[in-house]
C-alpha atoms as a PDB file:
ATOM      1  CA  MET A   1     -47.592 -16.637   8.121  1.00  0.00           C
ATOM      2  CA  ASN A   2     -48.900 -13.091   7.818  1.00  0.00           C
ATOM      3  CA  THR A   3     -48.049 -12.670  11.473  1.00  0.00           C
ATOM      4  CA  LEU A   4     -44.468 -14.064  10.990  1.00  0.00           C
ATOM      5  CA  SER A   5     -44.107 -11.867   8.102  1.00  0.00           C
ATOM      6  CA  ALA A   6     -45.073  -8.354  10.143  1.00  0.00           C
ATOM      7  CA  VAL A   7     -42.423 -10.104  12.613  1.00  0.00           C
ATOM      8  CA  PHE A   8     -39.528  -9.920   9.936  1.00  0.00           C
ATOM      9  CA  ARG A   9     -40.329  -6.679   8.748  1.00  0.00           C
ATOM     10  CA  ARG A  10     -40.330  -5.102  12.530  1.00  0.00           C
ATOM     11  CA  ALA A  11     -37.014  -6.888  12.834  1.00  0.00           C
ATOM     12  CA  ALA A  12     -35.250  -5.932   9.371  1.00  0.00           C
ATOM     13  CA  PRO A  13     -34.655  -2.827  10.796  1.00  0.00           C
ATOM     14  CA  PHE A  14     -32.884  -3.414  13.955  1.00  0.00           C
ATOM     15  CA  GLY A  15     -31.066  -6.104  12.303  1.00  0.00           C
ATOM     16  CA  LEU A  16     -29.505  -3.537   9.505  1.00  0.00           C
ATOM     17  CA  LEU A  17     -28.640  -1.063  13.037  1.00  0.00           C
ATOM     18  CA  ALA A  18     -26.746  -4.088  14.400  1.00  0.00           C
ATOM     19  CA  ALA A  19     -25.028  -4.678  10.736  1.00  0.00           C
ATOM     20  CA  LEU A  20     -24.128  -0.601  11.024  1.00  0.00           C
ATOM     21  CA  ALA A  21     -23.137  -0.654  14.106  1.00  0.00           C
ATOM     22  CA  ALA A  22     -20.771  -3.694  13.705  1.00  0.00           C
ATOM     23  CA  GLY A  23     -19.099  -2.072  10.682  1.00  0.00           C
ATOM     24  CA  ALA A  24     -19.015   1.255  12.434  1.00  0.00           C
ATOM     25  CA  ALA A  25     -17.032  -0.450  15.152  1.00  0.00           C
ATOM     26  CA  SER A  26     -14.540  -2.045  13.185  1.00  0.00           C
ATOM     27  CA  ALA A  27     -13.779   1.413  11.117  1.00  0.00           C
ATOM     28  CA  ALA A  28     -13.608   2.638  15.100  1.00  0.00           C
ATOM     29  CA  ASP A  29     -11.033  -0.053  15.952  1.00  0.00           C
ATOM     30  CA  GLY A  30      -9.139   0.760  12.353  1.00  0.00           C
ATOM     31  CA  GLU A  31      -8.632   3.960  13.630  1.00  0.00           C
ATOM     32  CA  LYS A  32      -8.127   3.687  16.874  1.00  0.00           C
ATOM     33  CA  ILE A  33      -5.427   1.079  15.663  1.00  0.00           C
ATOM     34  CA  PHE A  34      -4.006   3.620  13.233  1.00  0.00           C
ATOM     35  CA  THR A  35      -3.609   6.270  15.933  1.00  0.00           C
ATOM     36  CA  GLN A  36      -2.924   4.620  18.999  1.00  0.00           C
ATOM     37  CA  GLY A  37      -1.421   0.951  18.419  1.00  0.00           C
ATOM     38  CA  GLY A  38      -3.059  -2.235  19.087  1.00  0.00           C
ATOM     39  CA  SER A  39      -4.477  -3.663  21.912  1.00  0.00           C
ATOM     40  CA  ASN A  40      -1.065  -5.312  22.408  1.00  0.00           C
ATOM     41  CA  PRO A  41       1.396  -2.631  23.280  1.00  0.00           C
ATOM     42  CA  ALA A  42       4.421  -4.372  20.979  1.00  0.00           C
ATOM     43  CA  ALA A  43       1.754  -2.921  17.677  1.00  0.00           C
ATOM     44  CA  THR A  44       2.590   0.905  17.781  1.00  0.00           C
ATOM     45  CA  ALA A  45       0.263   2.969  16.123  1.00  0.00           C
ATOM     46  CA  CYS A  46       0.987   3.348  12.510  1.00  0.00           C
ATOM     47  CA  ALA A  47       0.654   7.046  12.299  1.00  0.00           C
ATOM     48  CA  SER A  48       4.434   7.552  14.721  1.00  0.00           C
ATOM     49  CA  CYS A  49       5.816   6.492  11.423  1.00  0.00           C
ATOM     50  CA  HIS A  50       3.815   6.764   8.287  1.00  0.00           C
ATOM     51  CA  GLY A  51       2.622  10.341   9.660  1.00  0.00           C
ATOM     52  CA  PRO A  52      -0.565  11.632  10.723  1.00  0.00           C
ATOM     53  CA  GLN A  53      -2.174  11.114   7.367  1.00  0.00           C
ATOM     54  CA  ALA A  54      -0.758   8.151   6.066  1.00  0.00           C
ATOM     55  CA  HIS A  55       1.116  10.479   3.891  1.00  0.00           C
ATOM     56  CA  GLY A  56       4.414   8.913   5.091  1.00  0.00           C
ATOM     57  CA  LEU A  57       7.647   9.996   6.548  1.00  0.00           C
ATOM     58  CA  GLY A  58      10.084  10.128   3.218  1.00  0.00           C
ATOM     59  CA  ALA A  59      13.378  11.190   4.815  1.00  0.00           C
ATOM     60  CA  ALA A  60      12.828   8.023   6.896  1.00  0.00           C
ATOM     61  CA  GLY A  61      12.089   5.755   4.038  1.00  0.00           C
ATOM     62  CA  PHE A  62       8.227   5.113   5.799  1.00  0.00           C
ATOM     63  CA  PRO A  63       6.443   4.921   2.975  1.00  0.00           C
ATOM     64  CA  ALA A  64       2.535   5.838   2.259  1.00  0.00           C
ATOM     65  CA  LEU A  65      -0.051   3.798   2.816  1.00  0.00           C
ATOM     66  CA  ALA A  66      -3.355   6.113   2.256  1.00  0.00           C
ATOM     67  CA  GLY A  67      -5.743   4.859  -0.480  1.00  0.00           C
ATOM     68  CA  THR A  68      -3.450   1.425  -0.969  1.00  0.00           C
ATOM     69  CA  SER A  69      -5.892  -1.197  -1.506  1.00  0.00           C
ATOM     70  CA  SER A  70      -6.918  -3.177   1.746  1.00  0.00           C
ATOM     71  CA  VAL A  71      -6.138  -6.420   0.294  1.00  0.00           C
ATOM     72  CA  TYR A  72      -2.644  -5.320  -0.423  1.00  0.00           C
ATOM     73  CA  LEU A  73      -2.091  -3.350   2.389  1.00  0.00           C
ATOM     74  CA  ALA A  74      -3.002  -6.919   4.647  1.00  0.00           C
ATOM     75  CA  LYS A  75      -0.897  -9.674   2.907  1.00  0.00           C
ATOM     76  CA  GLN A  76       1.894  -7.118   3.662  1.00  0.00           C
ATOM     77  CA  LEU A  77       1.615  -7.245   7.206  1.00  0.00           C
ATOM     78  CA  HIS A  78       1.393 -11.125   6.953  1.00  0.00           C
ATOM     79  CA  ASP A  79       4.283 -11.666   4.764  1.00  0.00           C
ATOM     80  CA  PHE A  80       5.959  -9.169   7.721  1.00  0.00           C
ATOM     81  CA  ARG A  81       4.945 -12.205  10.453  1.00  0.00           C
ATOM     82  CA  SER A  82       6.045 -14.776   8.022  1.00  0.00           C
ATOM     83  CA  GLY A  83       9.857 -13.012   7.130  1.00  0.00           C
ATOM     84  CA  SER A  84       8.756 -13.051   3.474  1.00  0.00           C
ATOM     85  CA  ARG A  85       8.903  -9.139   3.732  1.00  0.00           C
ATOM     86  CA  ALA A  86      12.041  -8.742   6.008  1.00  0.00           C
ATOM     87  CA  ASN A  87      11.892  -5.517   8.093  1.00  0.00           C
ATOM     88  CA  ALA A  88      13.096  -5.206  11.630  1.00  0.00           C
ATOM     89  CA  VAL A  89      10.330  -2.609  12.296  1.00  0.00           C
ATOM     90  CA  MET A  90       7.235  -3.943  10.998  1.00  0.00           C
ATOM     91  CA  GLN A  91       8.058  -8.035  11.949  1.00  0.00           C
ATOM     92  CA  PRO A  92       7.202  -7.472  15.382  1.00  0.00           C
ATOM     93  CA  ILE A  93       4.423  -4.805  15.063  1.00  0.00           C
ATOM     94  CA  ALA A  94       2.799  -7.500  12.584  1.00  0.00           C
ATOM     95  CA  ALA A  95       3.211  -9.926  14.954  1.00  0.00           C
ATOM     96  CA  ALA A  96       1.746  -8.183  17.343  1.00  0.00           C
ATOM     97  CA  LEU A  97      -1.578  -7.485  15.326  1.00  0.00           C
ATOM     98  CA  SER A  98      -4.778  -9.620  15.669  1.00  0.00           C
ATOM     99  CA  GLU A  99      -6.675 -10.958  12.556  1.00  0.00           C
ATOM    100  CA  ALA A 100      -9.358  -8.942  13.406  1.00  0.00           C
ATOM    101  CA  GLU A 101      -6.629  -5.946  14.161  1.00  0.00           C
ATOM    102  CA  ILE A 102      -5.231  -6.390  10.375  1.00  0.00           C
ATOM    103  CA  ALA A 103      -8.317  -6.527   8.871  1.00  0.00           C
ATOM    104  CA  ALA A 104      -9.409  -3.070  10.758  1.00  0.00           C
ATOM    105  CA  VAL A 105      -6.449  -1.410   9.825  1.00  0.00           C
ATOM    106  CA  ALA A 106      -6.044  -2.252   6.557  1.00  0.00           C
ATOM    107  CA  ALA A 107      -9.810  -0.954   5.429  1.00  0.00           C
ATOM    108  CA  THR A 108      -9.006   2.419   7.459  1.00  0.00           C
ATOM    109  CA  LEU A 109      -6.104   3.139   5.642  1.00  0.00           C
ATOM    110  CA  ALA A 110      -7.411   2.190   2.231  1.00  0.00           C
ATOM    111  CA  ALA A 111      -9.888   4.418   3.008  1.00  0.00           C
ATOM    112  CA  MET A 112      -8.054   7.377   3.198  1.00  0.00           C
ATOM    113  CA  PRO A 113      -7.305  10.251   0.375  1.00  0.00           C
ATOM    114  CA  GLY A 114      -4.174   8.588  -1.997  1.00  0.00           C
ATOM    115  CA  PRO A 115      -2.362  11.758  -3.801  1.00  0.00           C
ATOM    116  CA  THR A 116      -3.352  13.483  -6.936  1.00  0.00           C
ATOM    117  CA  VAL A 117      -1.569  11.553  -9.561  1.00  0.00           C
ATOM    118  CA  LYS A 118      -0.264  13.116 -12.639  1.00  0.00           C
ATOM    119  CA  PRO A 119      -1.430  11.690 -15.677  1.00  0.00           C
ATOM    120  CA  THR A 120       0.753   9.691 -17.785  1.00  0.00           C
ATOM    121  CA  SER A 121       0.766   6.900 -20.461  1.00  0.00           C
ATOM    122  CA  ARG A 122       3.141   4.635 -22.444  1.00  0.00           C
ATOM    123  CA  ALA A 123       2.222   7.108 -25.808  1.00  0.00           C
ATOM    124  CA  ASP A 124       3.848  10.528 -23.217  1.00  0.00           C
ATOM    125  CA  ALA A 125       7.315  11.569 -24.732  1.00  0.00           C
ATOM    126  CA  VAL A 126      10.170  10.335 -21.691  1.00  0.00           C
ATOM    127  CA  ALA A 127      13.201  12.744 -21.086  1.00  0.00           C
ATOM    128  CA  GLY A 128      15.489  10.798 -18.755  1.00  0.00           C
ATOM    129  CA  PRO A 129      16.275   6.823 -17.610  1.00  0.00           C
ATOM    130  CA  GLY A 130      13.819   7.286 -15.037  1.00  0.00           C
ATOM    131  CA  ALA A 131      10.938   7.957 -17.532  1.00  0.00           C
ATOM    132  CA  GLU A 132      12.271   5.470 -20.043  1.00  0.00           C
ATOM    133  CA  LEU A 133      11.977   2.691 -17.655  1.00  0.00           C
ATOM    134  CA  ALA A 134       8.672   3.701 -16.550  1.00  0.00           C
ATOM    135  CA  LEU A 135       7.053   4.463 -19.465  1.00  0.00           C
ATOM    136  CA  ARG A 136       8.773   1.680 -22.258  1.00  0.00           C
ATOM    137  CA  GLY A 137      10.530  -0.574 -19.967  1.00  0.00           C
ATOM    138  CA  ALA A 138      14.286  -2.204 -21.393  1.00  0.00           C
ATOM    139  CA  TRP A 139      12.897  -5.070 -23.115  1.00  0.00           C
ATOM    140  CA  ASP A 140      16.760  -5.918 -24.439  1.00  0.00           C
ATOM    141  CA  ARG A 141      16.698  -6.860 -20.444  1.00  0.00           C
ATOM    142  CA  ASN A 142      13.336  -7.999 -20.152  1.00  0.00           C
ATOM    143  CA  ILE A 143      12.283  -5.460 -18.120  1.00  0.00           C
ATOM    144  CA  PRO A 144       8.931  -4.586 -19.389  1.00  0.00           C
ATOM    145  CA  GLU A 145       7.537  -0.683 -18.320  1.00  0.00           C
ATOM    146  CA  CYS A 146       6.648  -0.124 -15.137  1.00  0.00           C
ATOM    147  CA  VAL A 147       3.108   1.240 -16.235  1.00  0.00           C
ATOM    148  CA  ALA A 148       2.103  -2.001 -17.492  1.00  0.00           C
ATOM    149  CA  CYS A 149       1.025  -3.649 -13.885  1.00  0.00           C
ATOM    150  CA  HIS A 150       0.879  -0.399 -11.429  1.00  0.00           C
ATOM    151  CA  GLY A 151      -0.857   1.719 -14.427  1.00  0.00           C
ATOM    152  CA  PRO A 152      -0.967   5.191 -15.751  1.00  0.00           C
ATOM    153  CA  GLY A 153       1.000   6.951 -13.903  1.00  0.00           C
ATOM    154  CA  GLY A 154       2.011   4.467 -11.152  1.00  0.00           C
ATOM    155  CA  GLU A 155      -1.319   4.685  -9.450  1.00  0.00           C
ATOM    156  CA  GLY A 156      -1.618   1.168  -8.260  1.00  0.00           C
ATOM    157  CA  VAL A 157      -3.814  -2.003 -10.349  1.00  0.00           C
ATOM    158  CA  GLY A 158      -5.822  -3.822  -8.180  1.00  0.00           C
ATOM    159  CA  THR A 159      -4.966  -5.465  -5.252  1.00  0.00           C
ATOM    160  CA  THR A 160      -1.457  -7.131  -6.469  1.00  0.00           C
ATOM    161  CA  PHE A 161       0.301  -3.725  -7.852  1.00  0.00           C
ATOM    162  CA  PRO A 162       0.559  -0.748  -5.557  1.00  0.00           C
ATOM    163  CA  PRO A 163       0.219   2.204  -5.926  1.00  0.00           C
ATOM    164  CA  LEU A 164       4.417   4.321  -6.832  1.00  0.00           C
ATOM    165  CA  ALA A 165       3.102   7.645  -7.474  1.00  0.00           C
ATOM    166  CA  GLY A 166       3.858  10.014  -4.716  1.00  0.00           C
ATOM    167  CA  GLN A 167       5.989   7.199  -2.477  1.00  0.00           C
ATOM    168  CA  SER A 168       9.028   9.154  -1.623  1.00  0.00           C
ATOM    169  CA  PRO A 169      11.930   8.460  -4.004  1.00  0.00           C
ATOM    170  CA  GLU A 170      13.900   6.883  -0.454  1.00  0.00           C
ATOM    171  CA  TYR A 171      11.377   4.116  -0.158  1.00  0.00           C
ATOM    172  CA  LEU A 172      11.014   2.947  -3.944  1.00  0.00           C
ATOM    173  CA  ALA A 173      14.715   2.535  -4.166  1.00  0.00           C
ATOM    174  CA  ALA A 174      14.853   0.635  -1.115  1.00  0.00           C
ATOM    175  CA  GLN A 175      12.113  -1.479  -1.671  1.00  0.00           C
ATOM    176  CA  LEU A 176      13.714  -2.135  -5.466  1.00  0.00           C
ATOM    177  CA  ASN A 177      17.441  -2.435  -3.918  1.00  0.00           C
ATOM    178  CA  ALA A 178      15.754  -4.964  -1.541  1.00  0.00           C
ATOM    179  CA  TRP A 179      14.465  -7.113  -4.158  1.00  0.00           C
ATOM    180  CA  ARG A 180      18.313  -6.560  -5.540  1.00  0.00           C
ATOM    181  CA  ALA A 181      19.758  -8.542  -2.431  1.00  0.00           C
ATOM    182  CA  GLY A 182      16.921 -11.157  -1.955  1.00  0.00           C
ATOM    183  CA  THR A 183      15.672 -10.187   1.448  1.00  0.00           C
ATOM    184  CA  ARG A 184      12.042  -9.179  -0.379  1.00  0.00           C
ATOM    185  CA  ASN A 185      10.779 -12.356  -2.069  1.00  0.00           C
ATOM    186  CA  ASN A 186       6.637 -11.539  -1.454  1.00  0.00           C
ATOM    187  CA  ASP A 187       5.780 -10.531  -4.661  1.00  0.00           C
ATOM    188  CA  PRO A 188       3.891 -12.749  -7.726  1.00  0.00           C
ATOM    189  CA  HIS A 189       5.399 -14.998  -9.206  1.00  0.00           C
ATOM    190  CA  ALA A 190       9.565 -13.441  -8.476  1.00  0.00           C
ATOM    191  CA  LEU A 191       8.497 -10.596 -11.215  1.00  0.00           C
ATOM    192  CA  MET A 192      10.107  -7.624  -9.309  1.00  0.00           C
ATOM    193  CA  GLY A 193      13.020  -9.646  -8.395  1.00  0.00           C
ATOM    194  CA  HIS A 194      14.215 -10.304 -11.908  1.00  0.00           C
ATOM    195  CA  ILE A 195      13.550  -6.560 -12.683  1.00  0.00           C
ATOM    196  CA  ALA A 196      15.625  -5.563  -9.535  1.00  0.00           C
ATOM    197  CA  ARG A 197      18.032  -7.215 -10.898  1.00  0.00           C
ATOM    198  CA  SER A 198      18.075  -6.618 -13.945  1.00  0.00           C
ATOM    199  CA  MET A 199      18.394  -2.577 -13.021  1.00  0.00           C
ATOM    200  CA  THR A 200      21.123  -0.716 -12.746  1.00  0.00           C
ATOM    201  CA  GLU A 201      21.943   1.881  -9.511  1.00  0.00           C
ATOM    202  CA  ASP A 202      21.406   4.431 -11.500  1.00  0.00           C
ATOM    203  CA  GLU A 203      18.601   3.290 -13.096  1.00  0.00           C
ATOM    204  CA  VAL A 204      17.014   2.406  -9.672  1.00  0.00           C
ATOM    205  CA  LYS A 205      17.156   5.918  -8.350  1.00  0.00           C
ATOM    206  CA  ALA A 206      15.979   7.554 -11.529  1.00  0.00           C
ATOM    207  CA  VAL A 207      13.103   5.517 -11.923  1.00  0.00           C
ATOM    208  CA  SER A 208      12.018   5.943  -8.402  1.00  0.00           C
ATOM    209  CA  ALA A 209      12.922   9.758  -8.265  1.00  0.00           C
ATOM    210  CA  TYR A 210      10.536   9.948 -11.291  1.00  0.00           C
ATOM    211  CA  PHE A 211       7.862   7.902  -9.953  1.00  0.00           C
ATOM    212  CA  ALA A 212       8.064  10.074  -6.548  1.00  0.00           C
ATOM    213  CA  SER A 213       7.052  13.097  -8.557  1.00  0.00           C
ATOM    214  CA  LEU A 214       4.047  11.559 -10.415  1.00  0.00           C
ATOM    215  CA  GLY A 215       2.311  12.233  -6.764  1.00  0.00           C
ATOM    216  CA  GLN A 216       1.272  15.219  -5.237  1.00  0.00           C
ATOM    217  CA  TRP A 217      -0.523  14.823  -1.401  1.00  0.00           C
ATOM    218  CA  GLY A 218      -2.825  17.190  -0.208  1.00  0.00           C
ATOM    219  CA  ALA A 219      -2.790  19.562   2.946  1.00  0.00           C
ATOM    220  CA  PRO A 220      -3.078  17.604   6.187  1.00  0.00           C
ATOM    221  CA  GLN A 221      -6.803  18.056   7.364  1.00  0.00           C
END
């Protein structure tokens, strides 16, 4: 018994090293996918569209991904595959990634620094329709305040509600319009579809600009 215990004690550090090495390999794979692409050539590098720090390319409508929940990101990639979230660029890329590659790149992106978010709450004074919707909602049309789900300042909550702060207004407006048009249908309980269809075009623009203004990205490293 003592001999067996000694063997297990000696083997334990090697098991730990193996586990650490496996974790490091997984992280390295995610970084490689982000910067160079996946094993299938159709899975192009994330950085080419989302930027070298994954801060997004606002003018082109490519979202920031850094600091977003890995569970949320993996779900979006699976939804691009299935077509429940339609996007002509992302669908073939997601289809070309293996399950292991999806998990690895999602973990890598989640570990990258997100934006600094300006603190806001429902108690703040509001100025303009964007802040009104974000902090008060429009309950006469059954539109809850955005921060009720997406957190103070739109910083994101858990694995279901993504960050809004720091995304470009172009991207945020495009997603609201996709829900309005019914071309995006991958949100819990179809909540966003109802909300977006209840908003006017001016409100879409205003709330998108409001949340875009709340996140400040650090300088590239």
